[in-house]
Amino acid sequence: VRSLVYTDDAMQLAAHASEAWVDPMGGVALTGPGG
């Protein structure tokens, strides 16, 4: 799995990958449910 930025939904998928890649210009932003 690859992405530039992982939010909650993408991170949930990436957790199941054997290899999760992130772009050097990206990162992870976990917010949780709500709004």
mmCIF file of all heavy atoms, coordinates in Angstrom:
data_MODEL
# 
_entry.id   MODEL 
# 
loop_
_atom_site.group_PDB 
_atom_site.id 
_atom_site.type_symbol 
_atom_site.label_atom_id 
_atom_site.label_alt_id 
_atom_site.label_comp_id 
_atom_site.label_asym_id 
_atom_site.label_entity_id 
_atom_site.label_seq_id 
_atom_site.pdbx_PDB_ins_code 
_atom_site.Cartn_x 
_atom_site.Cartn_y 
_atom_site.Cartn_z 
_atom_site.occupancy 
_atom_site.B_iso_or_equiv 
_atom_site.pdbx_formal_charge 
_atom_site.auth_seq_id 
_atom_site.auth_comp_id 
_atom_site.auth_asym_id 
_atom_site.auth_atom_id 
_atom_site.pdbx_PDB_model_num 
ATOM 1   N N   . VAL A 1 1  ? 0.856   -1.187 0.000  1.00 0.00 ? 1  VAL A N   1 
ATOM 2   C CA  . VAL A 1 1  ? 0.000   0.000  0.000  1.00 0.00 ? 1  VAL A CA  1 
ATOM 3   C C   . VAL A 1 1  ? 0.889   1.234  0.000  1.00 0.00 ? 1  VAL A C   1 
ATOM 4   O O   . VAL A 1 1  ? 1.928   1.256  0.669  1.00 0.00 ? 1  VAL A O   1 
ATOM 5   C CB  . VAL A 1 1  ? -0.915  0.015  1.246  1.00 0.00 ? 1  VAL A CB  1 
ATOM 6   C CG1 . VAL A 1 1  ? -1.733  1.298  1.284  1.00 0.00 ? 1  VAL A CG1 1 
ATOM 7   C CG2 . VAL A 1 1  ? -1.835  -1.193 1.259  1.00 0.00 ? 1  VAL A CG2 1 
ATOM 8   N N   . ARG A 1 2  ? 0.508   2.242  -0.765 1.00 0.00 ? 2  ARG A N   1 
ATOM 9   C CA  . ARG A 1 2  ? 1.220   3.510  -0.747 1.00 0.00 ? 2  ARG A CA  1 
ATOM 10  C C   . ARG A 1 2  ? 0.223   4.662  -0.683 1.00 0.00 ? 2  ARG A C   1 
ATOM 11  O O   . ARG A 1 2  ? -0.921  4.541  -1.118 1.00 0.00 ? 2  ARG A O   1 
ATOM 12  C CB  . ARG A 1 2  ? 2.117   3.690  -1.972 1.00 0.00 ? 2  ARG A CB  1 
ATOM 13  C CG  . ARG A 1 2  ? 1.372   4.001  -3.257 1.00 0.00 ? 2  ARG A CG  1 
ATOM 14  C CD  . ARG A 1 2  ? 2.278   4.588  -4.356 1.00 0.00 ? 2  ARG A CD  1 
ATOM 15  N NE  . ARG A 1 2  ? 2.852   5.865  -3.979 1.00 0.00 ? 2  ARG A NE  1 
ATOM 16  C CZ  . ARG A 1 2  ? 2.233   7.044  -4.188 1.00 0.00 ? 2  ARG A CZ  1 
ATOM 17  N NH1 . ARG A 1 2  ? 1.036   7.087  -4.733 1.00 0.00 ? 2  ARG A NH1 1 
ATOM 18  N NH2 . ARG A 1 2  ? 2.832   8.165  -3.831 1.00 0.00 ? 2  ARG A NH2 1 
ATOM 19  N N   . SER A 1 3  ? 0.701   5.768  -0.130 1.00 0.00 ? 3  SER A N   1 
ATOM 20  C CA  . SER A 1 3  ? -0.099  6.991  -0.138 1.00 0.00 ? 3  SER A CA  1 
ATOM 21  C C   . SER A 1 3  ? 0.821   8.164  0.146  1.00 0.00 ? 3  SER A C   1 
ATOM 22  O O   . SER A 1 3  ? 1.929   8.002  0.663  1.00 0.00 ? 3  SER A O   1 
ATOM 23  C CB  . SER A 1 3  ? -1.220  6.937  0.894  1.00 0.00 ? 3  SER A CB  1 
ATOM 24  O OG  . SER A 1 3  ? -2.047  8.084  0.787  1.00 0.00 ? 3  SER A OG  1 
ATOM 25  N N   . LEU A 1 4  ? 0.332   9.328  -0.191 1.00 0.00 ? 4  LEU A N   1 
ATOM 26  C CA  . LEU A 1 4  ? 1.042   10.541 0.181  1.00 0.00 ? 4  LEU A CA  1 
ATOM 27  C C   . LEU A 1 4  ? 0.735   10.878 1.644  1.00 0.00 ? 4  LEU A C   1 
ATOM 28  O O   . LEU A 1 4  ? 1.623   11.143 2.439  1.00 0.00 ? 4  LEU A O   1 
ATOM 29  C CB  . LEU A 1 4  ? 0.635   11.701 -0.728 1.00 0.00 ? 4  LEU A CB  1 
ATOM 30  C CG  . LEU A 1 4  ? 1.365   13.023 -0.525 1.00 0.00 ? 4  LEU A CG  1 
ATOM 31  C CD1 . LEU A 1 4  ? 2.858   12.874 -0.726 1.00 0.00 ? 4  LEU A CD1 1 
ATOM 32  C CD2 . LEU A 1 4  ? 0.814   14.074 -1.474 1.00 0.00 ? 4  LEU A CD2 1 
ATOM 33  N N   . VAL A 1 5  ? -0.551  10.802 1.983  1.00 0.00 ? 5  VAL A N   1 
ATOM 34  C CA  . VAL A 1 5  ? -0.998  11.056 3.356  1.00 0.00 ? 5  VAL A CA  1 
ATOM 35  C C   . VAL A 1 5  ? -2.000  9.982  3.748  1.00 0.00 ? 5  VAL A C   1 
ATOM 36  O O   . VAL A 1 5  ? -2.924  9.678  2.997  1.00 0.00 ? 5  VAL A O   1 
ATOM 37  C CB  . VAL A 1 5  ? -1.654  12.449 3.487  1.00 0.00 ? 5  VAL A CB  1 
ATOM 38  C CG1 . VAL A 1 5  ? -2.207  12.647 4.897  1.00 0.00 ? 5  VAL A CG1 1 
ATOM 39  C CG2 . VAL A 1 5  ? -0.659  13.547 3.159  1.00 0.00 ? 5  VAL A CG2 1 
ATOM 40  N N   . TYR A 1 6  ? -1.815  9.414  4.913  1.00 0.00 ? 6  TYR A N   1 
ATOM 41  C CA  . TYR A 1 6  ? -2.763  8.435  5.453  1.00 0.00 ? 6  TYR A CA  1 
ATOM 42  C C   . TYR A 1 6  ? -3.640  9.102  6.509  1.00 0.00 ? 6  TYR A C   1 
ATOM 43  O O   . TYR A 1 6  ? -3.149  9.584  7.527  1.00 0.00 ? 6  TYR A O   1 
ATOM 44  C CB  . TYR A 1 6  ? -2.013  7.270  6.106  1.00 0.00 ? 6  TYR A CB  1 
ATOM 45  C CG  . TYR A 1 6  ? -1.286  6.353  5.150  1.00 0.00 ? 6  TYR A CG  1 
ATOM 46  C CD1 . TYR A 1 6  ? 0.060   6.540  4.875  1.00 0.00 ? 6  TYR A CD1 1 
ATOM 47  C CD2 . TYR A 1 6  ? -1.956  5.303  4.532  1.00 0.00 ? 6  TYR A CD2 1 
ATOM 48  C CE1 . TYR A 1 6  ? 0.740   5.698  4.010  1.00 0.00 ? 6  TYR A CE1 1 
ATOM 49  C CE2 . TYR A 1 6  ? -1.284  4.451  3.653  1.00 0.00 ? 6  TYR A CE2 1 
ATOM 50  C CZ  . TYR A 1 6  ? 0.056   4.651  3.404  1.00 0.00 ? 6  TYR A CZ  1 
ATOM 51  O OH  . TYR A 1 6  ? 0.717   3.810  2.539  1.00 0.00 ? 6  TYR A OH  1 
ATOM 52  N N   . THR A 1 7  ? -4.943  9.144  6.242  1.00 0.00 ? 7  THR A N   1 
ATOM 53  C CA  . THR A 1 7  ? -5.894  9.507  7.284  1.00 0.00 ? 7  THR A CA  1 
ATOM 54  C C   . THR A 1 7  ? -6.471  8.204  7.853  1.00 0.00 ? 7  THR A C   1 
ATOM 55  O O   . THR A 1 7  ? -6.021  7.113  7.497  1.00 0.00 ? 7  THR A O   1 
ATOM 56  C CB  . THR A 1 7  ? -7.000  10.416 6.725  1.00 0.00 ? 7  THR A CB  1 
ATOM 57  O OG1 . THR A 1 7  ? -7.584  9.804  5.573  1.00 0.00 ? 7  THR A OG1 1 
ATOM 58  C CG2 . THR A 1 7  ? -6.441  11.775 6.336  1.00 0.00 ? 7  THR A CG2 1 
ATOM 59  N N   . ASP A 1 8  ? -7.466  8.298  8.726  1.00 0.00 ? 8  ASP A N   1 
ATOM 60  C CA  . ASP A 1 8  ? -7.941  7.128  9.462  1.00 0.00 ? 8  ASP A CA  1 
ATOM 61  C C   . ASP A 1 8  ? -8.298  5.951  8.561  1.00 0.00 ? 8  ASP A C   1 
ATOM 62  O O   . ASP A 1 8  ? -7.885  4.818  8.804  1.00 0.00 ? 8  ASP A O   1 
ATOM 63  C CB  . ASP A 1 8  ? -9.176  7.492  10.292 1.00 0.00 ? 8  ASP A CB  1 
ATOM 64  C CG  . ASP A 1 8  ? -8.872  8.541  11.339 1.00 0.00 ? 8  ASP A CG  1 
ATOM 65  O OD1 . ASP A 1 8  ? -7.823  9.196  11.253 1.00 0.00 ? 8  ASP A OD1 1 
ATOM 66  O OD2 . ASP A 1 8  ? -9.696  8.712  12.247 1.00 0.00 ? 8  ASP A OD2 1 
ATOM 67  N N   . ASP A 1 9  ? -9.087  6.221  7.522  1.00 0.00 ? 9  ASP A N   1 
ATOM 68  C CA  . ASP A 1 9  ? -9.583  5.146  6.670  1.00 0.00 ? 9  ASP A CA  1 
ATOM 69  C C   . ASP A 1 9  ? -8.441  4.468  5.909  1.00 0.00 ? 9  ASP A C   1 
ATOM 70  O O   . ASP A 1 9  ? -8.373  3.232  5.832  1.00 0.00 ? 9  ASP A O   1 
ATOM 71  C CB  . ASP A 1 9  ? -10.614 5.691  5.673  1.00 0.00 ? 9  ASP A CB  1 
ATOM 72  C CG  . ASP A 1 9  ? -11.700 6.499  6.362  1.00 0.00 ? 9  ASP A CG  1 
ATOM 73  O OD1 . ASP A 1 9  ? -11.976 6.221  7.540  1.00 0.00 ? 9  ASP A OD1 1 
ATOM 74  O OD2 . ASP A 1 9  ? -12.264 7.404  5.736  1.00 0.00 ? 9  ASP A OD2 1 
ATOM 75  N N   . ALA A 1 10 ? -7.557  5.278  5.350  1.00 0.00 ? 10 ALA A N   1 
ATOM 76  C CA  . ALA A 1 10 ? -6.423  4.724  4.627  1.00 0.00 ? 10 ALA A CA  1 
ATOM 77  C C   . ALA A 1 10 ? -5.488  3.965  5.570  1.00 0.00 ? 10 ALA A C   1 
ATOM 78  O O   . ALA A 1 10 ? -4.943  2.911  5.214  1.00 0.00 ? 10 ALA A O   1 
ATOM 79  C CB  . ALA A 1 10 ? -5.658  5.835  3.905  1.00 0.00 ? 10 ALA A CB  1 
ATOM 80  N N   . MET A 1 11 ? -5.319  4.491  6.787  1.00 0.00 ? 11 MET A N   1 
ATOM 81  C CA  . MET A 1 11 ? -4.454  3.814  7.749  1.00 0.00 ? 11 MET A CA  1 
ATOM 82  C C   . MET A 1 11 ? -5.023  2.469  8.159  1.00 0.00 ? 11 MET A C   1 
ATOM 83  O O   . MET A 1 11 ? -4.279  1.508  8.394  1.00 0.00 ? 11 MET A O   1 
ATOM 84  C CB  . MET A 1 11 ? -4.272  4.715  8.980  1.00 0.00 ? 11 MET A CB  1 
ATOM 85  C CG  . MET A 1 11 ? -3.198  4.228  9.953  1.00 0.00 ? 11 MET A CG  1 
ATOM 86  S SD  . MET A 1 11 ? -1.548  4.252  9.223  1.00 0.00 ? 11 MET A SD  1 
ATOM 87  C CE  . MET A 1 11 ? -1.096  2.523  9.311  1.00 0.00 ? 11 MET A CE  1 
ATOM 88  N N   . GLN A 1 12 ? -6.345  2.378  8.245  1.00 0.00 ? 12 GLN A N   1 
ATOM 89  C CA  . GLN A 1 12 ? -6.976  1.110  8.594  1.00 0.00 ? 12 GLN A CA  1 
ATOM 90  C C   . GLN A 1 12 ? -6.673  0.045  7.540  1.00 0.00 ? 12 GLN A C   1 
ATOM 91  O O   . GLN A 1 12 ? -6.458  -1.121 7.869  1.00 0.00 ? 12 GLN A O   1 
ATOM 92  C CB  . GLN A 1 12 ? -8.487  1.300  8.743  1.00 0.00 ? 12 GLN A CB  1 
ATOM 93  C CG  . GLN A 1 12 ? -9.205  0.114  9.378  1.00 0.00 ? 12 GLN A CG  1 
ATOM 94  C CD  . GLN A 1 12 ? -10.660 0.413  9.665  1.00 0.00 ? 12 GLN A CD  1 
ATOM 95  O OE1 . GLN A 1 12 ? -11.118 1.547  9.529  1.00 0.00 ? 12 GLN A OE1 1 
ATOM 96  N NE2 . GLN A 1 12 ? -11.408 -0.613 10.054 1.00 0.00 ? 12 GLN A NE2 1 
ATOM 97  N N   . LEU A 1 13 ? -6.631  0.448  6.279  1.00 0.00 ? 13 LEU A N   1 
ATOM 98  C CA  . LEU A 1 13 ? -6.256  -0.483 5.215  1.00 0.00 ? 13 LEU A CA  1 
ATOM 99  C C   . LEU A 1 13 ? -4.760  -0.779 5.260  1.00 0.00 ? 13 LEU A C   1 
ATOM 100 O O   . LEU A 1 13 ? -4.340  -1.935 5.144  1.00 0.00 ? 13 LEU A O   1 
ATOM 101 C CB  . LEU A 1 13 ? -6.630  0.095  3.849  1.00 0.00 ? 13 LEU A CB  1 
ATOM 102 C CG  . LEU A 1 13 ? -8.118  0.236  3.530  1.00 0.00 ? 13 LEU A CG  1 
ATOM 103 C CD1 . LEU A 1 13 ? -8.293  0.803  2.125  1.00 0.00 ? 13 LEU A CD1 1 
ATOM 104 C CD2 . LEU A 1 13 ? -8.835  -1.102 3.647  1.00 0.00 ? 13 LEU A CD2 1 
ATOM 105 N N   . ALA A 1 14 ? -3.947  0.255  5.430  1.00 0.00 ? 14 ALA A N   1 
ATOM 106 C CA  . ALA A 1 14 ? -2.497  0.074  5.421  1.00 0.00 ? 14 ALA A CA  1 
ATOM 107 C C   . ALA A 1 14 ? -2.029  -0.846 6.534  1.00 0.00 ? 14 ALA A C   1 
ATOM 108 O O   . ALA A 1 14 ? -1.011  -1.543 6.394  1.00 0.00 ? 14 ALA A O   1 
ATOM 109 C CB  . ALA A 1 14 ? -1.809  1.436  5.539  1.00 0.00 ? 14 ALA A CB  1 
ATOM 110 N N   . ALA A 1 15 ? -2.768  -0.888 7.641  1.00 0.00 ? 15 ALA A N   1 
ATOM 111 C CA  . ALA A 1 15 ? -2.389  -1.758 8.748  1.00 0.00 ? 15 ALA A CA  1 
ATOM 112 C C   . ALA A 1 15 ? -2.384  -3.223 8.337  1.00 0.00 ? 15 ALA A C   1 
ATOM 113 O O   . ALA A 1 15 ? -1.648  -4.033 8.910  1.00 0.00 ? 15 ALA A O   1 
ATOM 114 C CB  . ALA A 1 15 ? -3.345  -1.546 9.927  1.00 0.00 ? 15 ALA A CB  1 
ATOM 115 N N   . HIS A 1 16 ? -3.167  -3.570 7.325  1.00 0.00 ? 16 HIS A N   1 
ATOM 116 C CA  . HIS A 1 16 ? -3.265  -4.964 6.884  1.00 0.00 ? 16 HIS A CA  1 
ATOM 117 C C   . HIS A 1 16 ? -2.244  -5.301 5.795  1.00 0.00 ? 16 HIS A C   1 
ATOM 118 O O   . HIS A 1 16 ? -2.220  -6.432 5.299  1.00 0.00 ? 16 HIS A O   1 
ATOM 119 C CB  . HIS A 1 16 ? -4.678  -5.246 6.356  1.00 0.00 ? 16 HIS A CB  1 
ATOM 120 C CG  . HIS A 1 16 ? -5.742  -5.189 7.415  1.00 0.00 ? 16 HIS A CG  1 
ATOM 121 N ND1 . HIS A 1 16 ? -6.105  -6.289 8.161  1.00 0.00 ? 16 HIS A ND1 1 
ATOM 122 C CD2 . HIS A 1 16 ? -6.504  -4.170 7.857  1.00 0.00 ? 16 HIS A CD2 1 
ATOM 123 C CE1 . HIS A 1 16 ? -7.062  -5.949 9.017  1.00 0.00 ? 16 HIS A CE1 1 
ATOM 124 N NE2 . HIS A 1 16 ? -7.317  -4.671 8.853  1.00 0.00 ? 16 HIS A NE2 1 
ATOM 125 N N   . ALA A 1 17 ? -1.425  -4.341 5.403  1.00 0.00 ? 17 ALA A N   1 
ATOM 126 C CA  . ALA A 1 17 ? -0.462  -4.562 4.323  1.00 0.00 ? 17 ALA A CA  1 
ATOM 127 C C   . ALA A 1 17 ? 0.818   -5.193 4.860  1.00 0.00 ? 17 ALA A C   1 
ATOM 128 O O   . ALA A 1 17 ? 1.204   -4.987 6.011  1.00 0.00 ? 17 ALA A O   1 
ATOM 129 C CB  . ALA A 1 17 ? -0.138  -3.233 3.636  1.00 0.00 ? 17 ALA A CB  1 
ATOM 130 N N   . SER A 1 18 ? 1.484   -5.942 3.999  1.00 0.00 ? 18 SER A N   1 
ATOM 131 C CA  . SER A 1 18 ? 2.805   -6.462 4.362  1.00 0.00 ? 18 SER A CA  1 
ATOM 132 C C   . SER A 1 18 ? 3.861   -5.375 4.222  1.00 0.00 ? 18 SER A C   1 
ATOM 133 O O   . SER A 1 18 ? 4.886   -5.387 4.912  1.00 0.00 ? 18 SER A O   1 
ATOM 134 C CB  . SER A 1 18 ? 3.167   -7.667 3.481  1.00 0.00 ? 18 SER A CB  1 
ATOM 135 O OG  . SER A 1 18 ? 3.036   -7.348 2.107  1.00 0.00 ? 18 SER A OG  1 
ATOM 136 N N   . GLU A 1 19 ? 3.617   -4.406 3.318  1.00 0.00 ? 19 GLU A N   1 
ATOM 137 C CA  . GLU A 1 19 ? 4.490   -3.246 3.182  1.00 0.00 ? 19 GLU A CA  1 
ATOM 138 C C   . GLU A 1 19 ? 3.630   -2.007 2.986  1.00 0.00 ? 19 GLU A C   1 
ATOM 139 O O   . GLU A 1 19 ? 2.853   -1.934 2.039  1.00 0.00 ? 19 GLU A O   1 
ATOM 140 C CB  . GLU A 1 19 ? 5.440   -3.378 1.981  1.00 0.00 ? 19 GLU A CB  1 
ATOM 141 C CG  . GLU A 1 19 ? 6.561   -4.382 2.167  1.00 0.00 ? 19 GLU A CG  1 
ATOM 142 C CD  . GLU A 1 19 ? 7.540   -4.363 1.002  1.00 0.00 ? 19 GLU A CD  1 
ATOM 143 O OE1 . GLU A 1 19 ? 7.690   -3.300 0.355  1.00 0.00 ? 19 GLU A OE1 1 
ATOM 144 O OE2 . GLU A 1 19 ? 8.144   -5.424 0.732  1.00 0.00 ? 19 GLU A OE2 1 
ATOM 145 N N   . ALA A 1 20 ? 3.764   -1.040 3.905  1.00 0.00 ? 20 ALA A N   1 
ATOM 146 C CA  . ALA A 1 20 ? 3.064   0.235  3.773  1.00 0.00 ? 20 ALA A CA  1 
ATOM 147 C C   . ALA A 1 20 ? 4.089   1.324  3.493  1.00 0.00 ? 20 ALA A C   1 
ATOM 148 O O   . ALA A 1 20 ? 5.038   1.497  4.260  1.00 0.00 ? 20 ALA A O   1 
ATOM 149 C CB  . ALA A 1 20 ? 2.287   0.548  5.049  1.00 0.00 ? 20 ALA A CB  1 
ATOM 150 N N   . TRP A 1 21 ? 3.906   2.039  2.389  1.00 0.00 ? 21 TRP A N   1 
ATOM 151 C CA  . TRP A 1 21 ? 4.840   3.077  1.963  1.00 0.00 ? 21 TRP A CA  1 
ATOM 152 C C   . TRP A 1 21 ? 4.184   4.450  2.101  1.00 0.00 ? 21 TRP A C   1 
ATOM 153 O O   . TRP A 1 21 ? 2.983   4.618  1.879  1.00 0.00 ? 21 TRP A O   1 
ATOM 154 C CB  . TRP A 1 21 ? 5.219   2.880  0.494  1.00 0.00 ? 21 TRP A CB  1 
ATOM 155 C CG  . TRP A 1 21 ? 6.166   1.749  0.225  1.00 0.00 ? 21 TRP A CG  1 
ATOM 156 C CD1 . TRP A 1 21 ? 5.991   0.430  0.546  1.00 0.00 ? 21 TRP A CD1 1 
ATOM 157 C CD2 . TRP A 1 21 ? 7.417   1.834  -0.443 1.00 0.00 ? 21 TRP A CD2 1 
ATOM 158 N NE1 . TRP A 1 21 ? 7.053   -0.311 0.121  1.00 0.00 ? 21 TRP A NE1 1 
ATOM 159 C CE2 . TRP A 1 21 ? 7.949   0.516  -0.493 1.00 0.00 ? 21 TRP A CE2 1 
ATOM 160 C CE3 . TRP A 1 21 ? 8.145   2.865  -1.009 1.00 0.00 ? 21 TRP A CE3 1 
ATOM 161 C CZ2 . TRP A 1 21 ? 9.174   0.233  -1.090 1.00 0.00 ? 21 TRP A CZ2 1 
ATOM 162 C CZ3 . TRP A 1 21 ? 9.360   2.598  -1.607 1.00 0.00 ? 21 TRP A CZ3 1 
ATOM 163 C CH2 . TRP A 1 21 ? 9.874   1.284  -1.640 1.00 0.00 ? 21 TRP A CH2 1 
ATOM 164 N N   . VAL A 1 22 ? 4.980   5.442  2.439  1.00 0.00 ? 22 VAL A N   1 
ATOM 165 C CA  . VAL A 1 22 ? 4.517   6.818  2.478  1.00 0.00 ? 22 VAL A CA  1 
ATOM 166 C C   . VAL A 1 22 ? 5.488   7.675  1.683  1.00 0.00 ? 22 VAL A C   1 
ATOM 167 O O   . VAL A 1 22 ? 6.703   7.430  1.689  1.00 0.00 ? 22 VAL A O   1 
ATOM 168 C CB  . VAL A 1 22 ? 4.390   7.336  3.932  1.00 0.00 ? 22 VAL A CB  1 
ATOM 169 C CG1 . VAL A 1 22 ? 5.764   7.421  4.613  1.00 0.00 ? 22 VAL A CG1 1 
ATOM 170 C CG2 . VAL A 1 22 ? 3.682   8.684  3.979  1.00 0.00 ? 22 VAL A CG2 1 
ATOM 171 N N   . ASP A 1 23 ? 4.956   8.663  0.983  1.00 0.00 ? 23 ASP A N   1 
ATOM 172 C CA  . ASP A 1 23 ? 5.780   9.563  0.186  1.00 0.00 ? 23 ASP A CA  1 
ATOM 173 C C   . ASP A 1 23 ? 6.631   10.442 1.102  1.00 0.00 ? 23 ASP A C   1 
ATOM 174 O O   . ASP A 1 23 ? 6.201   10.808 2.201  1.00 0.00 ? 23 ASP A O   1 
ATOM 175 C CB  . ASP A 1 23 ? 4.872   10.439 -0.680 1.00 0.00 ? 23 ASP A CB  1 
ATOM 176 C CG  . ASP A 1 23 ? 5.643   11.192 -1.739 1.00 0.00 ? 23 ASP A CG  1 
ATOM 177 O OD1 . ASP A 1 23 ? 6.147   12.302 -1.429 1.00 0.00 ? 23 ASP A OD1 1 
ATOM 178 O OD2 . ASP A 1 23 ? 5.749   10.677 -2.862 1.00 0.00 ? 23 ASP A OD2 1 
ATOM 179 N N   . PRO A 1 24 ? 7.842   10.782 0.686  1.00 0.00 ? 24 PRO A N   1 
ATOM 180 C CA  . PRO A 1 24 ? 8.695   11.652 1.515  1.00 0.00 ? 24 PRO A CA  1 
ATOM 181 C C   . PRO A 1 24 ? 8.036   12.984 1.871  1.00 0.00 ? 24 PRO A C   1 
ATOM 182 O O   . PRO A 1 24 ? 8.362   13.588 2.897  1.00 0.00 ? 24 PRO A O   1 
ATOM 183 C CB  . PRO A 1 24 ? 9.937   11.870 0.645  1.00 0.00 ? 24 PRO A CB  1 
ATOM 184 C CG  . PRO A 1 24 ? 9.969   10.705 -0.281 1.00 0.00 ? 24 PRO A CG  1 
ATOM 185 C CD  . PRO A 1 24 ? 8.542   10.357 -0.546 1.00 0.00 ? 24 PRO A CD  1 
ATOM 186 N N   . MET A 1 25 ? 7.105   13.459 1.036  1.00 0.00 ? 25 MET A N   1 
ATOM 187 C CA  . MET A 1 25 ? 6.437   14.729 1.293  1.00 0.00 ? 25 MET A CA  1 
ATOM 188 C C   . MET A 1 25 ? 5.155   14.552 2.099  1.00 0.00 ? 25 MET A C   1 
ATOM 189 O O   . MET A 1 25 ? 4.442   15.524 2.352  1.00 0.00 ? 25 MET A O   1 
ATOM 190 C CB  . MET A 1 25 ? 6.095   15.414 -0.036 1.00 0.00 ? 25 MET A CB  1 
ATOM 191 C CG  . MET A 1 25 ? 7.311   15.796 -0.858 1.00 0.00 ? 25 MET A CG  1 
ATOM 192 S SD  . MET A 1 25 ? 8.323   17.054 -0.038 1.00 0.00 ? 25 MET A SD  1 
ATOM 193 C CE  . MET A 1 25 ? 7.211   18.444 -0.120 1.00 0.00 ? 25 MET A CE  1 
ATOM 194 N N   . GLY A 1 26 ? 4.870   13.312 2.524  1.00 0.00 ? 26 GLY A N   1 
ATOM 195 C CA  . GLY A 1 26 ? 3.608   13.032 3.186  1.00 0.00 ? 26 GLY A CA  1 
ATOM 196 C C   . GLY A 1 26 ? 3.744   12.694 4.650  1.00 0.00 ? 26 GLY A C   1 
ATOM 197 O O   . GLY A 1 26 ? 4.715   13.073 5.317  1.00 0.00 ? 26 GLY A O   1 
ATOM 198 N N   . GLY A 1 27 ? 2.776   11.946 5.150  1.00 0.00 ? 27 GLY A N   1 
ATOM 199 C CA  . GLY A 1 27 ? 2.781   11.558 6.547  1.00 0.00 ? 27 GLY A CA  1 
ATOM 200 C C   . GLY A 1 27 ? 1.475   10.885 6.920  1.00 0.00 ? 27 GLY A C   1 
ATOM 201 O O   . GLY A 1 27 ? 0.734   10.399 6.061  1.00 0.00 ? 27 GLY A O   1 
ATOM 202 N N   . VAL A 1 28 ? 1.182   10.847 8.217  1.00 0.00 ? 28 VAL A N   1 
ATOM 203 C CA  . VAL A 1 28 ? -0.037  10.223 8.743  1.00 0.00 ? 28 VAL A CA  1 
ATOM 204 C C   . VAL A 1 28 ? -0.747  11.239 9.624  1.00 0.00 ? 28 VAL A C   1 
ATOM 205 O O   . VAL A 1 28 ? -0.115  11.909 10.448 1.00 0.00 ? 28 VAL A O   1 
ATOM 206 C CB  . VAL A 1 28 ? 0.288   8.953  9.554  1.00 0.00 ? 28 VAL A CB  1 
ATOM 207 C CG1 . VAL A 1 28 ? -0.978  8.378  10.179 1.00 0.00 ? 28 VAL A CG1 1 
ATOM 208 C CG2 . VAL A 1 28 ? 0.974   7.910  8.674  1.00 0.00 ? 28 VAL A CG2 1 
ATOM 209 N N   . ALA A 1 29 ? -2.065  11.361 9.450  1.00 0.00 ? 29 ALA A N   1 
ATOM 210 C CA  . ALA A 1 29 ? -2.879  12.261 10.275 1.00 0.00 ? 29 ALA A CA  1 
ATOM 211 C C   . ALA A 1 29 ? -4.103  11.491 10.758 1.00 0.00 ? 29 ALA A C   1 
ATOM 212 O O   . ALA A 1 29 ? -5.023  11.232 9.981  1.00 0.00 ? 29 ALA A O   1 
ATOM 213 C CB  . ALA A 1 29 ? -3.305  13.488 9.478  1.00 0.00 ? 29 ALA A CB  1 
ATOM 214 N N   . LEU A 1 30 ? -4.094  11.085 12.016 1.00 0.00 ? 30 LEU A N   1 
ATOM 215 C CA  . LEU A 1 30 ? -5.197  10.319 12.596 1.00 0.00 ? 30 LEU A CA  1 
ATOM 216 C C   . LEU A 1 30 ? -6.063  11.260 13.438 1.00 0.00 ? 30 LEU A C   1 
ATOM 217 O O   . LEU A 1 30 ? -5.574  11.911 14.355 1.00 0.00 ? 30 LEU A O   1 
ATOM 218 C CB  . LEU A 1 30 ? -4.652  9.179  13.457 1.00 0.00 ? 30 LEU A CB  1 
ATOM 219 C CG  . LEU A 1 30 ? -3.713  8.193  12.743 1.00 0.00 ? 30 LEU A CG  1 
ATOM 220 C CD1 . LEU A 1 30 ? -3.263  7.098  13.700 1.00 0.00 ? 30 LEU A CD1 1 
ATOM 221 C CD2 . LEU A 1 30 ? -4.381  7.594  11.513 1.00 0.00 ? 30 LEU A CD2 1 
ATOM 222 N N   . THR A 1 31 ? -7.338  11.319 13.111 1.00 0.00 ? 31 THR A N   1 
ATOM 223 C CA  . THR A 1 31 ? -8.238  12.262 13.781 1.00 0.00 ? 31 THR A CA  1 
ATOM 224 C C   . THR A 1 31 ? -9.279  11.582 14.660 1.00 0.00 ? 31 THR A C   1 
ATOM 225 O O   . THR A 1 31 ? -9.775  12.199 15.604 1.00 0.00 ? 31 THR A O   1 
ATOM 226 C CB  . THR A 1 31 ? -8.967  13.131 12.747 1.00 0.00 ? 31 THR A CB  1 
ATOM 227 O OG1 . THR A 1 31 ? -9.755  12.280 11.891 1.00 0.00 ? 31 THR A OG1 1 
ATOM 228 C CG2 . THR A 1 31 ? -7.978  13.908 11.905 1.00 0.00 ? 31 THR A CG2 1 
ATOM 229 N N   . GLY A 1 32 ? -9.649  10.336 14.336 1.00 0.00 ? 32 GLY A N   1 
ATOM 230 C CA  . GLY A 1 32 ? -10.720 9.688  15.080 1.00 0.00 ? 32 GLY A CA  1 
ATOM 231 C C   . GLY A 1 32 ? -12.083 10.173 14.629 1.00 0.00 ? 32 GLY A C   1 
ATOM 232 O O   . GLY A 1 32 ? -12.204 11.188 13.933 1.00 0.00 ? 32 GLY A O   1 
ATOM 233 N N   . PRO A 1 33 ? -13.150 9.452  15.029 1.00 0.00 ? 33 PRO A N   1 
ATOM 234 C CA  . PRO A 1 33 ? -14.506 9.842  14.613 1.00 0.00 ? 33 PRO A CA  1 
ATOM 235 C C   . PRO A 1 33 ? -14.965 11.111 15.313 1.00 0.00 ? 33 PRO A C   1 
ATOM 236 O O   . PRO A 1 33 ? -14.478 11.468 16.387 1.00 0.00 ? 33 PRO A O   1 
ATOM 237 C CB  . PRO A 1 33 ? -15.359 8.641  15.032 1.00 0.00 ? 33 PRO A CB  1 
ATOM 238 C CG  . PRO A 1 33 ? -14.615 8.025  16.165 1.00 0.00 ? 33 PRO A CG  1 
ATOM 239 C CD  . PRO A 1 33 ? -13.157 8.234  15.865 1.00 0.00 ? 33 PRO A CD  1 
ATOM 240 N N   . GLY A 1 34 ? -15.895 11.788 14.696 1.00 0.00 ? 34 GLY A N   1 
ATOM 241 C CA  . GLY A 1 34 ? -16.422 13.022 15.263 1.00 0.00 ? 34 GLY A CA  1 
ATOM 242 C C   . GLY A 1 34 ? -16.377 14.139 14.251 1.00 0.00 ? 34 GLY A C   1 
ATOM 243 O O   . GLY A 1 34 ? -16.068 13.933 13.077 1.00 0.00 ? 34 GLY A O   1 
ATOM 244 N N   . GLY A 1 35 ? -16.691 15.317 14.679 1.00 0.00 ? 35 GLY A N   1 
ATOM 245 C CA  . GLY A 1 35 ? -16.699 16.448 13.767 1.00 0.00 ? 35 GLY A CA  1 
ATOM 246 C C   . GLY A 1 35 ? -17.486 17.596 14.356 1.00 0.00 ? 35 GLY A C   1 
ATOM 247 O O   . GLY A 1 35 ? -17.864 17.585 15.530 1.00 0.00 ? 35 GLY A O   1 
# 
